[in-house]
C-alpha atoms as a PDB file:
ATOM      1  CA  MET A   1      -0.722   5.149  -4.177  1.00  0.00           C
ATOM      2  CA  PRO A   2       2.380   7.335  -4.030  1.00  0.00           C
ATOM      3  CA  ASN A   3       4.374   5.371  -6.616  1.00  0.00           C
ATOM      4  CA  LEU A   4       1.749   5.755  -9.345  1.00  0.00           C
ATOM      5  CA  ARG A   5       1.943   9.533  -9.445  1.00  0.00           C
ATOM      6  CA  LEU A   6       5.618   9.998  -8.638  1.00  0.00           C
ATOM      7  CA  ALA A   7       6.697  11.683 -11.866  1.00  0.00           C
ATOM      8  CA  LEU A   8       3.906  14.260 -11.925  1.00  0.00           C
ATOM      9  CA  LYS A   9       4.239  15.006  -8.227  1.00  0.00           C
ATOM     10  CA  ILE A  10       7.908  15.855  -8.758  1.00  0.00           C
ATOM     11  CA  CYS A  11       7.029  18.001 -11.760  1.00  0.00           C
ATOM     12  CA  ALA A  12       4.389  19.897  -9.811  1.00  0.00           C
ATOM     13  CA  VAL A  13       6.777  20.955  -7.087  1.00  0.00           C
ATOM     14  CA  GLY A  14       9.814  21.587  -9.260  1.00  0.00           C
ATOM     15  CA  GLY A  15       9.901  25.312  -8.520  1.00  0.00           C
ATOM     16  CA  ALA A  16       9.692  24.730  -4.780  1.00  0.00           C
ATOM     17  CA  LEU A  17      12.483  22.201  -4.979  1.00  0.00           C
ATOM     18  CA  LEU A  18      14.722  24.639  -6.793  1.00  0.00           C
ATOM     19  CA  ALA A  19      13.993  27.282  -4.199  1.00  0.00           C
ATOM     20  CA  ALA A  20      14.945  24.865  -1.425  1.00  0.00           C
ATOM     21  CA  ALA A  21      18.204  23.746  -3.033  1.00  0.00           C
ATOM     22  CA  PRO A  22      21.556  24.773  -1.538  1.00  0.00           C
ATOM     23  CA  ALA A  23      22.969  27.919  -3.110  1.00  0.00           C
ATOM     24  CA  GLN A  24      26.102  26.038  -4.240  1.00  0.00           C
ATOM     25  CA  ALA A  25      24.938  22.544  -5.140  1.00  0.00           C
ATOM     26  CA  ALA A  26      27.331  19.675  -4.495  1.00  0.00           C
ATOM     27  CA  ARG A  27      28.766  18.177  -7.674  1.00  0.00           C
ATOM     28  CA  CYS A  28      26.662  15.198  -8.744  1.00  0.00           C
ATOM     29  CA  GLY A  29      28.030  11.888  -9.985  1.00  0.00           C
ATOM     30  CA  GLY A  30      31.475  10.612  -9.189  1.00  0.00           C
ATOM     31  CA  ASP A  31      32.322   9.179  -5.798  1.00  0.00           C
ATOM     32  CA  PHE A  32      29.224   9.002  -3.616  1.00  0.00           C
ATOM     33  CA  ASN A  33      31.022   9.636  -0.331  1.00  0.00           C
ATOM     34  CA  THR A  34      32.756  12.716  -1.745  1.00  0.00           C
ATOM     35  CA  PHE A  35      29.376  14.019  -2.905  1.00  0.00           C
ATOM     36  CA  MET A  36      27.825  13.430   0.511  1.00  0.00           C
ATOM     37  CA  SER A  37      30.709  15.177   2.264  1.00  0.00           C
ATOM     38  CA  ALA A  38      30.221  18.238   0.069  1.00  0.00           C
ATOM     39  CA  PHE A  39      26.470  18.206   0.604  1.00  0.00           C
ATOM     40  CA  SER A  40      26.881  17.826   4.367  1.00  0.00           C
ATOM     41  CA  ALA A  41      29.105  20.907   4.458  1.00  0.00           C
ATOM     42  CA  GLU A  42      26.477  22.893   2.564  1.00  0.00           C
ATOM     43  CA  ALA A  43      23.729  21.648   4.903  1.00  0.00           C
ATOM     44  CA  ALA A  44      25.771  22.884   7.866  1.00  0.00           C
ATOM     45  CA  GLN A  45      26.138  26.264   6.184  1.00  0.00           C
ATOM     46  CA  ALA A  46      22.342  26.299   5.786  1.00  0.00           C
ATOM     47  CA  GLY A  47      21.946  25.966   9.548  1.00  0.00           C
ATOM     48  CA  VAL A  48      21.489  22.222  10.039  1.00  0.00           C
ATOM     49  CA  SER A  49      23.290  20.983  13.140  1.00  0.00           C
ATOM     50  CA  GLN A  50      26.197  18.585  12.866  1.00  0.00           C
ATOM     51  CA  GLY A  51      24.309  16.188  15.117  1.00  0.00           C
ATOM     52  CA  VAL A  52      21.357  15.976  12.747  1.00  0.00           C
ATOM     53  CA  ILE A  53      23.626  15.679   9.710  1.00  0.00           C
ATOM     54  CA  SER A  54      25.609  12.854  11.291  1.00  0.00           C
ATOM     55  CA  GLN A  55      22.554  10.952  12.474  1.00  0.00           C
ATOM     56  CA  ALA A  56      20.666  11.304   9.201  1.00  0.00           C
ATOM     57  CA  LEU A  57      23.449  10.972   6.651  1.00  0.00           C
ATOM     58  CA  GLY A  58      26.168   9.027   8.449  1.00  0.00           C
ATOM     59  CA  GLY A  59      26.725   5.735   6.647  1.00  0.00           C
ATOM     60  CA  VAL A  60      24.066   6.390   4.016  1.00  0.00           C
ATOM     61  CA  THR A  61      24.594   4.434   0.792  1.00  0.00           C
ATOM     62  CA  PRO A  62      23.032   4.759  -2.673  1.00  0.00           C
ATOM     63  CA  ASP A  63      20.046   2.577  -3.567  1.00  0.00           C
ATOM     64  CA  PRO A  64      20.117   1.271  -7.166  1.00  0.00           C
ATOM     65  CA  ALA A  65      16.486   0.156  -6.909  1.00  0.00           C
ATOM     66  CA  VAL A  66      15.399   3.772  -6.424  1.00  0.00           C
ATOM     67  CA  LEU A  67      17.133   4.846  -9.627  1.00  0.00           C
ATOM     68  CA  ALA A  68      15.722   1.865 -11.503  1.00  0.00           C
ATOM     69  CA  PHE A  69      12.208   2.744 -10.395  1.00  0.00           C
ATOM     70  CA  ASP A  70      12.684   6.393 -11.289  1.00  0.00           C
ATOM     71  CA  ARG A  71      13.810   5.495 -14.797  1.00  0.00           C
ATOM     72  CA  ARG A  72      10.678   3.413 -15.334  1.00  0.00           C
ATOM     73  CA  GLN A  73       8.380   6.392 -14.712  1.00  0.00           C
ATOM     74  CA  ARG A  74       6.761   6.971 -18.087  1.00  0.00           C
ATOM     75  CA  GLY A  75       3.145   7.527 -19.079  1.00  0.00           C
ATOM     76  CA  THR A  76       1.952   7.678 -15.499  1.00  0.00           C
ATOM     77  CA  PHE A  77      -1.656   8.514 -16.343  1.00  0.00           C
ATOM     78  CA  ASN A  78      -2.349   6.914 -19.696  1.00  0.00           C
ATOM     79  CA  LYS A  79      -5.788   5.611 -18.753  1.00  0.00           C
ATOM     80  CA  THR A  80      -9.034   7.393 -19.498  1.00  0.00           C
ATOM     81  CA  PHE A  81     -10.791   9.032 -16.582  1.00  0.00           C
ATOM     82  CA  GLU A  82     -13.385   6.248 -16.562  1.00  0.00           C
ATOM     83  CA  GLN A  83     -10.697   3.567 -16.456  1.00  0.00           C
ATOM     84  CA  TYR A  84      -8.671   5.322 -13.794  1.00  0.00           C
ATOM     85  CA  VAL A  85     -11.495   6.292 -11.436  1.00  0.00           C
ATOM     86  CA  ALA A  86     -12.848   2.735 -11.529  1.00  0.00           C
ATOM     87  CA  THR A  87      -9.605   1.533  -9.936  1.00  0.00           C
ATOM     88  CA  ARG A  88      -9.472   4.239  -7.256  1.00  0.00           C
ATOM     89  CA  VAL A  89     -13.010   5.092  -6.127  1.00  0.00           C
ATOM     90  CA  GLY A  90     -15.118   2.065  -5.259  1.00  0.00           C
ATOM     91  CA  PRO A  91     -18.056   1.503  -2.885  1.00  0.00           C
ATOM     92  CA  GLY A  92     -15.789   0.481   0.012  1.00  0.00           C
ATOM     93  CA  ARG A  93     -13.633   3.582  -0.196  1.00  0.00           C
ATOM     94  CA  ILE A  94     -16.694   5.820  -0.531  1.00  0.00           C
ATOM     95  CA  LYS A  95     -18.268   4.204   2.531  1.00  0.00           C
ATOM     96  CA  THR A  96     -15.096   4.671   4.567  1.00  0.00           C
ATOM     97  CA  GLY A  97     -14.723   8.251   3.334  1.00  0.00           C
ATOM     98  CA  ARG A  98     -18.224   9.114   4.471  1.00  0.00           C
ATOM     99  CA  ALA A  99     -17.436   7.623   7.882  1.00  0.00           C
ATOM    100  CA  MET A 100     -14.307   9.794   8.042  1.00  0.00           C
ATOM    101  CA  LEU A 101     -16.387  12.889   7.241  1.00  0.00           C
ATOM    102  CA  GLN A 102     -18.630  12.095  10.206  1.00  0.00           C
ATOM    103  CA  ARG A 103     -15.857  11.062  12.586  1.00  0.00           C
ATOM    104  CA  HIS A 104     -13.838  14.212  11.959  1.00  0.00           C
ATOM    105  CA  ALA A 105     -16.720  16.598  11.297  1.00  0.00           C
ATOM    106  CA  SER A 106     -15.708  19.135  13.941  1.00  0.00           C
ATOM    107  CA  LEU A 107     -12.058  19.131  12.880  1.00  0.00           C
ATOM    108  CA  LEU A 108     -12.937  19.445   9.196  1.00  0.00           C
ATOM    109  CA  SER A 109     -15.303  22.312   9.959  1.00  0.00           C
ATOM    110  CA  ARG A 110     -12.506  24.213  11.707  1.00  0.00           C
ATOM    111  CA  ILE A 111     -10.198  23.533   8.787  1.00  0.00           C
ATOM    112  CA  GLU A 112     -12.758  24.812   6.300  1.00  0.00           C
ATOM    113  CA  ARG A 113     -13.266  28.004   8.317  1.00  0.00           C
ATOM    114  CA  GLN A 114      -9.537  28.690   8.386  1.00  0.00           C
ATOM    115  CA  PHE A 115      -8.487  27.563   4.923  1.00  0.00           C
ATOM    116  CA  GLY A 116     -11.688  27.634   2.877  1.00  0.00           C
ATOM    117  CA  VAL A 117     -11.361  24.089   1.551  1.00  0.00           C
ATOM    118  CA  PRO A 118     -14.492  21.904   1.942  1.00  0.00           C
ATOM    119  CA  PRO A 119     -14.264  18.688   3.973  1.00  0.00           C
ATOM    120  CA  GLN A 120     -15.030  16.390   1.059  1.00  0.00           C
ATOM    121  CA  ILE A 121     -12.026  17.605  -0.940  1.00  0.00           C
ATOM    122  CA  VAL A 122      -9.643  17.145   1.988  1.00  0.00           C
ATOM    123  CA  VAL A 123     -11.009  13.687   2.767  1.00  0.00           C
ATOM    124  CA  ALA A 124     -10.946  12.672  -0.904  1.00  0.00           C
ATOM    125  CA  ILE A 125      -7.235  13.486  -1.140  1.00  0.00           C
ATOM    126  CA  TRP A 126      -6.602  11.684   2.141  1.00  0.00           C
ATOM    127  CA  GLY A 127      -8.393   8.611   0.837  1.00  0.00           C
ATOM    128  CA  LEU A 128      -6.649   8.570  -2.526  1.00  0.00           C
ATOM    129  CA  GLU A 129      -3.190   9.101  -1.073  1.00  0.00           C
ATOM    130  CA  SER A 130      -3.143   6.607   1.803  1.00  0.00           C
ATOM    131  CA  ASP A 131      -6.616   5.103   2.257  1.00  0.00           C
ATOM    132  CA  PHE A 132      -7.205   7.532   5.132  1.00  0.00           C
ATOM    133  CA  GLY A 133      -3.878   6.809   6.758  1.00  0.00           C
ATOM    134  CA  LYS A 134      -4.384   3.048   6.796  1.00  0.00           C
ATOM    135  CA  GLY A 135      -2.744   2.265   3.475  1.00  0.00           C
ATOM    136  CA  ASP A 136       0.758   2.418   2.056  1.00  0.00           C
ATOM    137  CA  ILE A 137       2.648   5.578   2.993  1.00  0.00           C
ATOM    138  CA  GLY A 138       6.007   4.134   2.027  1.00  0.00           C
ATOM    139  CA  LYS A 139       8.625   2.109   3.835  1.00  0.00           C
ATOM    140  CA  LEU A 140      11.852   3.385   2.278  1.00  0.00           C
ATOM    141  CA  PRO A 141      14.474   5.314   4.294  1.00  0.00           C
ATOM    142  CA  VAL A 142      13.923   8.885   3.129  1.00  0.00           C
ATOM    143  CA  PHE A 143      17.532  10.000   3.516  1.00  0.00           C
ATOM    144  CA  ARG A 144      18.826   7.071   1.507  1.00  0.00           C
ATOM    145  CA  VAL A 145      16.255   7.699  -1.224  1.00  0.00           C
ATOM    146  CA  LEU A 146      16.936  11.428  -1.453  1.00  0.00           C
ATOM    147  CA  ALA A 147      20.708  11.048  -1.271  1.00  0.00           C
ATOM    148  CA  THR A 148      20.520   8.550  -4.126  1.00  0.00           C
ATOM    149  CA  MET A 149      18.412  10.876  -6.253  1.00  0.00           C
ATOM    150  CA  ALA A 150      20.531  13.911  -5.389  1.00  0.00           C
ATOM    151  CA  HIS A 151      23.737  12.133  -6.389  1.00  0.00           C
ATOM    152  CA  ASP A 152      22.179  11.232  -9.751  1.00  0.00           C
ATOM    153  CA  CYS A 153      22.904  14.036 -12.201  1.00  0.00           C
ATOM    154  CA  ARG A 154      19.524  14.231 -13.941  1.00  0.00           C
ATOM    155  CA  ARG A 155      17.792  16.317 -11.242  1.00  0.00           C
ATOM    156  CA  THR A 156      20.483  16.838  -8.662  1.00  0.00           C
ATOM    157  CA  GLU A 157      19.505  20.387  -7.668  1.00  0.00           C
ATOM    158  CA  LEU A 158      15.892  19.348  -7.189  1.00  0.00           C
ATOM    159  CA  PHE A 159      16.743  16.481  -4.915  1.00  0.00           C
ATOM    160  CA  GLN A 160      19.487  18.281  -3.066  1.00  0.00           C
ATOM    161  CA  GLY A 161      16.731  20.720  -2.138  1.00  0.00           C
ATOM    162  CA  GLU A 162      14.528  17.856  -0.956  1.00  0.00           C
ATOM    163  CA  LEU A 163      17.386  16.330   1.019  1.00  0.00           C
ATOM    164  CA  LEU A 164      18.037  19.637   2.754  1.00  0.00           C
ATOM    165  CA  ALA A 165      14.319  20.018   3.517  1.00  0.00           C
ATOM    166  CA  ALA A 166      14.249  16.508   5.007  1.00  0.00           C
ATOM    167  CA  LEU A 167      17.112  17.434   7.316  1.00  0.00           C
ATOM    168  CA  LYS A 168      15.192  20.524   8.401  1.00  0.00           C
ATOM    169  CA  ILE A 169      12.140  18.404   9.272  1.00  0.00           C
ATOM    170  CA  VAL A 170      14.293  16.472  11.733  1.00  0.00           C
ATOM    171  CA  GLN A 171      16.076  19.610  12.936  1.00  0.00           C
ATOM    172  CA  ARG A 172      12.739  21.272  13.746  1.00  0.00           C
ATOM    173  CA  GLY A 173      11.691  18.221  15.731  1.00  0.00           C
ATOM    174  CA  ASP A 174       8.649  17.547  13.558  1.00  0.00           C
ATOM    175  CA  LEU A 175       9.555  13.885  13.021  1.00  0.00           C
ATOM    176  CA  GLU A 176      12.000  11.545  14.687  1.00  0.00           C
ATOM    177  CA  LEU A 177      14.687  10.025  12.522  1.00  0.00           C
ATOM    178  CA  ARG A 178      12.952   6.642  12.766  1.00  0.00           C
ATOM    179  CA  ASP A 179       9.829   8.176  11.202  1.00  0.00           C
ATOM    180  CA  MET A 180      11.673   9.437   8.131  1.00  0.00           C
ATOM    181  CA  VAL A 181      10.434   6.657   5.877  1.00  0.00           C
ATOM    182  CA  GLY A 182       8.446   7.212   2.723  1.00  0.00           C
ATOM    183  CA  ALA A 183       8.059   6.463  -0.960  1.00  0.00           C
ATOM    184  CA  TYR A 184      10.328   6.443  -4.005  1.00  0.00           C
ATOM    185  CA  ALA A 185      10.825  10.214  -4.126  1.00  0.00           C
ATOM    186  CA  GLY A 186      10.923  10.694  -0.372  1.00  0.00           C
ATOM    187  CA  GLU A 187       7.223  11.535   0.025  1.00  0.00           C
ATOM    188  CA  LEU A 188       6.138  11.560   3.660  1.00  0.00           C
ATOM    189  CA  GLY A 189       2.970  11.075   5.626  1.00  0.00           C
ATOM    190  CA  GLN A 190      -0.679  10.336   5.146  1.00  0.00           C
ATOM    191  CA  THR A 191      -1.139  12.680   2.194  1.00  0.00           C
ATOM    192  CA  GLN A 192       2.344  12.145   0.771  1.00  0.00           C
ATOM    193  CA  PHE A 193       4.123  15.487   1.059  1.00  0.00           C
ATOM    194  CA  LEU A 194       7.562  15.878  -0.434  1.00  0.00           C
ATOM    195  CA  PRO A 195       9.911  17.308   2.231  1.00  0.00           C
ATOM    196  CA  SER A 196       9.973  20.766   0.625  1.00  0.00           C
ATOM    197  CA  SER A 197       6.162  20.845   0.672  1.00  0.00           C
ATOM    198  CA  TYR A 198       6.234  19.616   4.258  1.00  0.00           C
ATOM    199  CA  ILE A 199       8.348  22.652   5.195  1.00  0.00           C
ATOM    200  CA  LYS A 200       6.346  25.078   3.021  1.00  0.00           C
ATOM    201  CA  TYR A 201       2.755  24.022   3.774  1.00  0.00           C
ATOM    202  CA  GLY A 202       2.890  21.995   6.982  1.00  0.00           C
ATOM    203  CA  VAL A 203       0.585  23.213   9.770  1.00  0.00           C
ATOM    204  CA  ASP A 204       0.690  22.384  13.480  1.00  0.00           C
ATOM    205  CA  PHE A 205      -3.076  22.120  13.849  1.00  0.00           C
ATOM    206  CA  ASP A 206      -3.142  20.017  16.998  1.00  0.00           C
ATOM    207  CA  GLY A 207      -1.089  22.671  18.815  1.00  0.00           C
ATOM    208  CA  ASN A 208       1.672  20.421  20.148  1.00  0.00           C
ATOM    209  CA  GLY A 209       4.478  22.488  18.638  1.00  0.00           C
ATOM    210  CA  HIS A 210       5.327  20.078  15.828  1.00  0.00           C
ATOM    211  CA  VAL A 211       4.080  19.400  12.308  1.00  0.00           C
ATOM    212  CA  ASP A 212       3.519  15.640  12.276  1.00  0.00           C
ATOM    213  CA  LEU A 213       2.166  14.431   8.941  1.00  0.00           C
ATOM    214  CA  ARG A 214       2.612  10.771   9.807  1.00  0.00           C
ATOM    215  CA  HIS A 215       0.626  10.457  13.027  1.00  0.00           C
ATOM    216  CA  SER A 216      -1.464  13.597  13.630  1.00  0.00           C
ATOM    217  CA  VAL A 217      -4.734  13.634  11.677  1.00  0.00           C
ATOM    218  CA  PRO A 218      -5.326  17.347  12.462  1.00  0.00           C
ATOM    219  CA  ASP A 219      -1.890  18.236  11.086  1.00  0.00           C
ATOM    220  CA  VAL A 220      -2.365  16.019   8.021  1.00  0.00           C
ATOM    221  CA  LEU A 221      -5.742  17.407   7.028  1.00  0.00           C
ATOM    222  CA  ALA A 222      -4.986  21.061   7.830  1.00  0.00           C
ATOM    223  CA  SER A 223      -1.690  20.939   5.941  1.00  0.00           C
ATOM    224  CA  THR A 224      -3.451  19.467   2.911  1.00  0.00           C
ATOM    225  CA  ALA A 225      -5.984  22.301   3.006  1.00  0.00           C
ATOM    226  CA  ASN A 226      -3.232  24.869   3.511  1.00  0.00           C
ATOM    227  CA  LEU A 227      -1.457  23.669   0.374  1.00  0.00           C
ATOM    228  CA  LEU A 228      -4.625  24.186  -1.658  1.00  0.00           C
ATOM    229  CA  LYS A 229      -5.347  27.583  -0.090  1.00  0.00           C
ATOM    230  CA  THR A 230      -1.817  28.765  -0.805  1.00  0.00           C
ATOM    231  CA  ALA A 231      -2.200  27.532  -4.395  1.00  0.00           C
ATOM    232  CA  GLY A 232      -5.229  29.781  -4.868  1.00  0.00           C
ATOM    233  CA  TRP A 233      -8.245  27.823  -3.628  1.00  0.00           C
ATOM    234  CA  ARG A 234     -11.322  30.062  -3.405  1.00  0.00           C
ATOM    235  CA  ALA A 235     -13.642  29.373  -0.489  1.00  0.00           C
ATOM    236  CA  GLY A 236     -17.174  28.502  -1.519  1.00  0.00           C
ATOM    237  CA  GLY A 237     -16.265  28.029  -5.173  1.00  0.00           C
ATOM    238  CA  SER A 238     -16.899  25.062  -7.417  1.00  0.00           C
ATOM    239  CA  TYR A 239     -14.083  22.596  -8.061  1.00  0.00           C
ATOM    240  CA  GLU A 240     -15.327  21.414 -11.449  1.00  0.00           C
ATOM    241  CA  GLU A 241     -12.906  21.195 -14.350  1.00  0.00           C
ATOM    242  CA  GLY A 242     -12.133  24.660 -15.692  1.00  0.00           C
ATOM    243  CA  THR A 243     -12.690  26.485 -12.409  1.00  0.00           C
ATOM    244  CA  PRO A 244      -9.992  28.305 -10.400  1.00  0.00           C
ATOM    245  CA  ASN A 245     -10.254  25.670  -7.682  1.00  0.00           C
ATOM    246  CA  PHE A 246      -9.673  22.877 -10.175  1.00  0.00           C
ATOM    247  CA  GLU A 247      -6.565  24.752 -11.276  1.00  0.00           C
ATOM    248  CA  ALA A 248      -5.480  25.184  -7.652  1.00  0.00           C
ATOM    249  CA  MET A 249      -5.313  21.403  -7.416  1.00  0.00           C
ATOM    250  CA  ARG A 250      -2.471  21.486  -9.954  1.00  0.00           C
ATOM    251  CA  GLU A 251      -0.184  22.201  -7.015  1.00  0.00           C
ATOM    252  CA  TRP A 252      -1.273  18.836  -5.679  1.00  0.00           C
ATOM    253  CA  ASN A 253      -1.025  16.965  -8.961  1.00  0.00           C
ATOM    254  CA  ARG A 254      -0.792  18.204 -12.528  1.00  0.00           C
ATOM    255  CA  ALA A 255      -2.458  15.146 -14.045  1.00  0.00           C
ATOM    256  CA  LEU A 256      -5.931  16.049 -15.318  1.00  0.00           C
ATOM    257  CA  VAL A 257      -7.287  12.571 -14.633  1.00  0.00           C
ATOM    258  CA  TYR A 258      -6.083  12.663 -11.024  1.00  0.00           C
ATOM    259  CA  ARG A 259      -7.652  16.043 -10.313  1.00  0.00           C
ATOM    260  CA  LYS A 260     -10.911  14.903 -11.911  1.00  0.00           C
ATOM    261  CA  THR A 261     -10.788  11.841  -9.677  1.00  0.00           C
ATOM    262  CA  ILE A 262     -10.399  14.010  -6.570  1.00  0.00           C
ATOM    263  CA  GLY A 263     -13.479  15.983  -7.601  1.00  0.00           C
ATOM    264  CA  TYR A 264     -15.490  12.883  -8.457  1.00  0.00           C
ATOM    265  CA  PHE A 265     -14.589  11.213  -5.162  1.00  0.00           C
ATOM    266  CA  ALA A 266     -15.457  14.365  -3.234  1.00  0.00           C
ATOM    267  CA  ASP A 267     -18.889  14.480  -4.901  1.00  0.00           C
ATOM    268  CA  GLN A 268     -19.525  10.856  -4.025  1.00  0.00           C
ATOM    269  CA  LEU A 269     -18.698  11.546  -0.398  1.00  0.00           C
ATOM    270  CA  VAL A 270     -21.465  14.130  -0.157  1.00  0.00           C
ATOM    271  CA  GLY A 271     -23.918  12.239  -2.352  1.00  0.00           C
ATOM    272  CA  GLN A 272     -23.776  14.420  -5.460  1.00  0.00           C
END
């Protein structure tokens, strides 16, 4: 459910967004086309080809619905853990998660050896984010969403960084332009990576030369594990509240109730 955790996801990656932002951010507000022209020039200076810029940003228009949704984001996790987990981890999802553990056992074992993250944690995140790739991963044009948010002056540098990262995803050939659809903050793929996280943590685990977090299950699951490893996950350690691994999940989501739900779901998948 990418929309439910939008605000905290943005907060969690704020530093990465700032790092990805153009050195001289385009001036927010004012005429949208003037803003986009300035941003496009900065993207070219950052090494993005004119072809990619034209294809991705040509004719893009602001989306008022995106701004309206963003302004409604308040009190994202105001339920108790018991209330929240009851809506996210039911018998059907547990059953499917266990089937995914079996179906992808060999892949998950390789991922654990390389990144140190146990299969049940990776599969729990996968299940919560997109129902194992079968649920909602967003249908909004990412470049329109990010251009809208970047033009808005509240967090323009953050979203200019995301917009630049999205261009780089296309430039690298990881996703086709038609696949650049996502949620209300531009999250992409089966475990809902913001573009800057896609660039920072994405792993080509199927060996085809591209990081495809929409269609490639090996890339999706390995990239998810890589994010946690980079955030400080300790192989073989507990992920209970108060442990270093529980804290490592802050890079995924800062909300305490969400991280507790990941751990609870993971335990259910292995029968604990």
